Amino acid sequence: TGAGSGIGRATALAFAEQGADVVVCDVDAEAAERTAVLARLLGGAAHAYRVDVSDGAAVDAFAADVAAAHGVPDIVVNNAGIGHSGTFLDTTEEEWRRVLDVNLWGVIHGCRAFGRLLAERGEGGHIVNVASAAAYLPSKILAAYATSKAAVFMLSDCLRAELAPARVGVSTICPGVVNTNITRTSTFSGQSGEKLAATRERVARLYARRGFPPEKVAAEILRAVRDRRPVVPVTWEAKAARVLSRVAPGVLRAAARVNPGG
């Protein structure tokens, strides 16, 4: 899911390069089709669908269509997500719903629709849920986003235990700062118009300067599936935060109080 750009597109192409047939979806149908075209150039079959992952009925229909037309997939990657920055008190109910509908409910819908198919098929398989280092790295300006990703992290742990008897693996991918276009579509509490556009541009430049490409995340996703790894932090900051979350969580809690930029 979310295969029209960024990590989703890079992952689809990485699997295609390994000889997999891929089915991609995105809320942007044209972007999904562009990814499918690129995947076909690598030699495999590729099919594109328009799907809004926040719509449970649409995801159920998508899963049924995929199974009927292409067979039950061996690997499912729940990647679609959106960004939002804002403190808890500044984040509106509408903003909370938007973030949770896509980042959490989108993963729930994907896991439920395809997880059932995989379990009933009885031939094993793998589900990949793309979370974030924000799942275990608290920040007072990422209240909704971090909450959504932490929920995906725990959902994956629960689902992994449930699907183990069916030989269906579940991997949680936790990237840090990755240079994708999520920054150009992210929302910021209390900002609109020119101010929002300026903030998006500033953050996009920071992510671009970090220079960590989505293709490196895709490579970690392939490795996670191959080795059936449960949790995969990606980028040095995600790995460092993961270690601190386990051995010195108080350090992360203290850091969360600091205002970004000083």
Protein backbone atom coordinates (compact mmCIF):
# COMPACT_ATOMS: atom_id res chain seq x y z
CA THR A 1 0.00 0.00 0.00
CA GLY A 2 1.09 3.60 -0.48
CA ALA A 3 3.16 2.42 -3.45
CA GLY A 4 2.83 5.60 -5.50
CA SER A 5 6.07 7.06 -4.15
CA GLY A 6 8.74 6.88 -1.48
CA ILE A 7 9.24 3.72 0.53
CA GLY A 8 6.22 2.04 -1.07
CA ARG A 9 7.48 2.51 -4.62
CA ALA A 10 11.05 1.58 -3.70
CA THR A 11 9.83 -1.61 -2.00
CA ALA A 12 7.66 -2.64 -4.94
CA LEU A 13 10.61 -2.18 -7.30
CA ALA A 14 12.97 -4.03 -4.97
CA PHE A 15 10.68 -7.05 -4.92
CA ALA A 16 10.19 -6.84 -8.69
CA GLU A 17 13.94 -6.79 -9.16
CA GLN A 18 14.09 -10.07 -7.22
CA GLY A 19 11.64 -11.63 -9.67
CA ALA A 20 8.40 -11.11 -7.76
CA ASP A 21 5.11 -10.24 -9.41
CA VAL A 22 3.76 -7.20 -7.60
CA VAL A 23 0.37 -5.67 -6.96
CA VAL A 24 0.55 -2.06 -5.87
CA CYS A 25 -2.04 0.38 -4.62
CA ASP A 26 -2.20 4.02 -3.69
CA VAL A 27 -4.87 6.65 -3.13
CA ASP A 28 -3.31 8.31 -6.21
CA ALA A 29 -4.16 5.96 -9.09
CA GLU A 30 -1.76 7.59 -11.55
CA ALA A 31 1.15 7.33 -9.14
CA ALA A 32 0.36 3.65 -8.51
CA GLU A 33 0.29 2.99 -12.24
CA ARG A 34 3.66 4.70 -12.70
CA THR A 35 5.11 2.36 -10.09
CA ALA A 36 3.60 -0.63 -11.91
CA VAL A 37 5.13 0.54 -15.20
CA LEU A 38 8.55 0.79 -13.57
CA ALA A 39 8.13 -2.67 -12.03
CA ARG A 40 7.26 -4.18 -15.41
CA LEU A 41 10.47 -2.79 -16.84
CA LEU A 42 12.28 -5.05 -14.38
CA GLY A 43 10.72 -8.09 -16.04
CA GLY A 44 7.86 -9.18 -13.80
CA ALA A 45 4.12 -8.70 -13.83
CA ALA A 46 2.76 -5.65 -12.05
CA HIS A 47 -0.77 -4.45 -11.45
CA ALA A 48 -1.99 -1.15 -10.01
CA TYR A 49 -5.13 -0.30 -8.05
CA ARG A 50 -6.53 2.83 -6.47
CA VAL A 51 -7.28 2.17 -2.79
CA ASP A 52 -7.95 4.43 0.17
CA VAL A 53 -6.58 2.33 3.03
CA SER A 54 -8.63 4.25 5.60
CA ASP A 55 -11.78 2.71 4.04
CA GLY A 56 -12.17 -0.80 5.45
CA ALA A 57 -14.70 -1.92 2.86
CA ALA A 58 -12.43 -0.71 0.07
CA VAL A 59 -9.47 -2.66 1.48
CA ASP A 60 -11.63 -5.79 1.84
CA ALA A 61 -12.72 -5.43 -1.79
CA PHE A 62 -9.11 -4.87 -2.85
CA ALA A 63 -7.97 -8.04 -1.07
CA ALA A 64 -10.79 -10.04 -2.68
CA ASP A 65 -9.94 -8.65 -6.12
CA VAL A 66 -6.25 -9.43 -5.69
CA ALA A 67 -6.93 -12.99 -4.56
CA ALA A 68 -9.35 -13.60 -7.44
CA ALA A 69 -7.23 -12.08 -10.17
CA HIS A 70 -3.69 -12.84 -9.02
CA GLY A 71 -3.91 -15.35 -6.16
CA VAL A 72 -3.34 -14.88 -2.44
CA PRO A 73 -0.14 -12.85 -2.07
CA ASP A 74 2.86 -14.39 -0.34
CA ILE A 75 4.02 -11.04 1.06
CA VAL A 76 1.89 -8.07 2.11
CA VAL A 77 3.47 -4.68 2.84
CA ASN A 78 1.28 -2.20 4.74
CA ASN A 79 3.19 0.98 4.02
CA ALA A 80 0.71 3.80 3.42
CA GLY A 81 1.05 6.63 5.91
CA ILE A 82 0.79 10.38 6.39
CA GLY A 83 2.71 12.83 8.53
CA HIS A 84 1.45 15.32 11.07
CA SER A 85 3.27 17.55 13.54
CA GLY A 86 1.65 19.16 16.54
CA THR A 87 1.51 19.04 20.31
CA PHE A 88 -1.35 17.16 21.91
CA LEU A 89 -3.26 20.27 22.97
CA ASP A 90 -2.83 21.90 19.56
CA THR A 91 -3.88 18.85 17.52
CA THR A 92 -7.56 19.00 16.62
CA GLU A 93 -9.96 16.08 16.69
CA GLU A 94 -10.14 16.22 12.91
CA GLU A 95 -6.34 15.99 12.67
CA TRP A 96 -6.27 13.05 15.09
CA ARG A 97 -8.88 11.22 13.04
CA ARG A 98 -7.02 11.82 9.78
CA VAL A 99 -3.74 10.47 11.16
CA LEU A 100 -5.28 7.46 12.89
CA ASP A 101 -7.54 6.62 9.92
CA VAL A 102 -4.56 6.23 7.61
CA ASN A 103 -1.62 5.30 9.81
CA LEU A 104 -3.40 2.91 12.18
CA TRP A 105 -6.69 1.90 10.62
CA GLY A 106 -5.02 1.53 7.24
CA VAL A 107 -2.69 -1.08 8.74
CA ILE A 108 -5.53 -2.74 10.66
CA HIS A 109 -7.60 -3.03 7.48
CA GLY A 110 -4.66 -4.43 5.51
CA CYS A 111 -3.69 -6.94 8.18
CA ARG A 112 -7.24 -8.13 8.65
CA ALA A 113 -8.11 -8.49 4.97
CA PHE A 114 -4.89 -10.13 3.84
CA GLY A 115 -3.99 -11.85 7.11
CA ARG A 116 -7.20 -13.84 6.93
CA LEU A 117 -6.41 -14.89 3.36
CA LEU A 118 -2.91 -15.98 4.31
CA ALA A 119 -4.06 -17.92 7.36
CA GLU A 120 -6.84 -19.69 5.45
CA ARG A 121 -4.50 -20.60 2.58
CA GLY A 122 -2.29 -22.45 5.04
CA GLU A 123 0.96 -22.07 3.10
CA GLY A 124 2.67 -19.47 5.26
CA GLY A 125 3.60 -15.98 4.13
CA HIS A 126 4.71 -12.67 5.54
CA ILE A 127 3.16 -9.35 6.54
CA VAL A 128 5.29 -6.22 6.77
CA ASN A 129 3.98 -3.21 8.69
CA VAL A 130 5.89 0.02 8.21
CA ALA A 131 5.84 1.90 11.51
CA SER A 132 8.48 4.47 12.48
CA ALA A 133 11.17 5.20 15.03
CA ALA A 134 8.47 7.49 16.44
CA ALA A 135 6.82 4.31 17.74
CA TYR A 136 9.33 4.30 20.61
CA LEU A 137 10.82 7.81 20.37
CA PRO A 138 8.50 10.26 22.17
CA SER A 139 8.24 13.85 20.99
CA LYS A 140 5.91 16.52 22.24
CA ILE A 141 5.41 17.80 18.69
CA LEU A 142 4.42 14.42 17.23
CA ALA A 143 1.57 13.43 19.54
CA ALA A 144 -0.80 11.98 16.94
CA TYR A 145 1.84 10.62 14.58
CA ALA A 146 3.89 8.89 17.28
CA THR A 147 0.74 7.45 18.86
CA SER A 148 -0.37 5.98 15.54
CA LYS A 149 3.03 4.38 14.95
CA ALA A 150 3.30 3.03 18.49
CA ALA A 151 -0.09 1.38 17.97
CA VAL A 152 1.14 -0.21 14.74
CA PHE A 153 4.17 -1.51 16.62
CA MET A 154 2.04 -3.23 19.28
CA LEU A 155 -0.51 -4.44 16.72
CA SER A 156 2.32 -6.16 14.89
CA ASP A 157 3.55 -7.85 18.08
CA CYS A 158 0.06 -9.17 18.81
CA LEU A 159 -0.53 -10.30 15.23
CA ARG A 160 2.85 -12.03 15.06
CA ALA A 161 1.86 -14.24 17.98
CA GLU A 162 -1.54 -15.00 16.50
CA LEU A 163 -0.33 -15.91 13.01
CA ALA A 164 2.72 -17.92 14.08
CA PRO A 165 0.83 -21.26 14.02
CA ALA A 166 -0.11 -20.51 10.40
CA ARG A 167 3.58 -19.87 9.59
CA VAL A 168 2.82 -16.27 8.67
CA GLY A 169 5.60 -13.94 9.79
CA VAL A 170 5.11 -10.31 10.78
CA SER A 171 7.85 -7.68 10.58
CA THR A 172 7.69 -4.16 11.97
CA ILE A 173 9.86 -1.69 10.07
CA CYS A 174 10.88 1.46 11.96
CA PRO A 175 12.57 4.04 9.75
CA GLY A 176 13.95 7.30 11.09
CA VAL A 177 14.46 10.31 8.82
CA VAL A 178 14.07 9.16 5.22
CA ASN A 179 14.06 11.40 2.17
CA THR A 180 10.54 10.87 0.79
CA ASN A 181 7.73 13.21 -0.21
CA ILE A 182 5.84 12.60 3.06
CA THR A 183 7.18 15.93 4.25
CA ARG A 184 5.54 17.76 1.35
CA THR A 185 2.11 16.37 2.24
CA SER A 186 2.40 16.49 6.03
CA THR A 187 0.15 18.76 8.05
CA PHE A 188 1.13 20.98 10.96
CA SER A 189 -1.27 22.02 13.70
CA GLY A 190 -2.32 25.65 13.45
CA GLN A 191 -0.77 26.15 10.01
CA SER A 192 -2.33 26.70 6.60
CA GLY A 193 -1.73 28.58 3.39
CA GLU A 194 1.66 30.18 2.88
CA LYS A 195 2.87 29.35 6.39
CA LEU A 196 2.11 25.66 5.88
CA ALA A 197 3.80 25.66 2.48
CA ALA A 198 6.91 27.32 3.94
CA THR A 199 7.09 24.82 6.80
CA ARG A 200 6.73 21.87 4.44
CA GLU A 201 9.50 23.24 2.24
CA ARG A 202 11.82 23.78 5.22
CA VAL A 203 11.26 20.28 6.58
CA ALA A 204 11.63 18.75 3.12
CA ARG A 205 15.03 20.42 2.79
CA LEU A 206 16.10 18.98 6.14
CA TYR A 207 15.06 15.47 5.08
CA ALA A 208 16.81 15.89 1.74
CA ARG A 209 19.97 17.05 3.49
CA ARG A 210 19.83 13.93 5.68
CA GLY A 211 20.06 12.05 2.38
CA PHE A 212 18.82 8.61 3.46
CA PRO A 213 17.00 7.19 0.40
CA PRO A 214 13.86 5.02 0.48
CA GLU A 215 15.72 2.34 -1.46
CA LYS A 216 17.75 1.56 1.67
CA VAL A 217 14.52 1.02 3.61
CA ALA A 218 13.28 -1.26 0.85
CA ALA A 219 16.47 -3.32 1.13
CA GLU A 220 15.83 -3.73 4.87
CA ILE A 221 12.26 -4.83 4.15
CA LEU A 222 13.49 -7.54 1.79
CA ARG A 223 16.00 -8.67 4.41
CA ALA A 224 13.31 -8.71 7.10
CA VAL A 225 11.10 -10.98 5.02
CA ARG A 226 13.97 -13.28 4.05
CA ASP A 227 15.22 -13.63 7.63
CA ARG A 228 11.78 -13.34 9.25
CA ARG A 229 12.99 -10.53 11.50
CA PRO A 230 10.34 -9.23 13.93
CA VAL A 231 11.52 -5.62 14.45
CA VAL A 232 13.82 -3.69 12.12
CA PRO A 233 14.99 -0.17 13.02
CA VAL A 234 16.32 1.63 9.95
CA THR A 235 18.74 4.59 9.98
CA TRP A 236 21.23 5.24 12.78
CA GLU A 237 18.85 7.44 14.79
CA ALA A 238 16.16 4.75 14.72
CA LYS A 239 18.66 2.14 15.91
CA ALA A 240 20.03 4.38 18.65
CA ALA A 241 16.55 5.28 19.88
CA ARG A 242 15.57 1.61 19.91
CA VAL A 243 18.51 0.77 22.15
CA LEU A 244 17.79 3.71 24.47
CA SER A 245 14.10 2.80 24.66
CA ARG A 246 15.11 -0.54 26.12
CA VAL A 247 18.08 0.36 28.35
CA ALA A 248 17.52 4.02 29.25
CA PRO A 249 13.96 5.11 28.45
CA GLY A 250 14.24 8.03 30.85
CA VAL A 251 16.75 9.65 28.49
CA LEU A 252 14.20 9.64 25.68
CA ARG A 253 11.47 10.97 27.96
CA ALA A 254 13.72 13.85 29.01
CA ALA A 255 14.68 14.60 25.41
CA ALA A 256 11.01 14.70 24.41
CA ARG A 257 10.54 17.85 26.50
CA VAL A 258 13.12 19.84 24.52
CA ASN A 259 11.83 22.33 22.01
CA PRO A 260 13.08 21.43 18.51
CA GLY A 261 15.54 24.03 17.38
CA GLY A 262 16.37 25.07 20.97
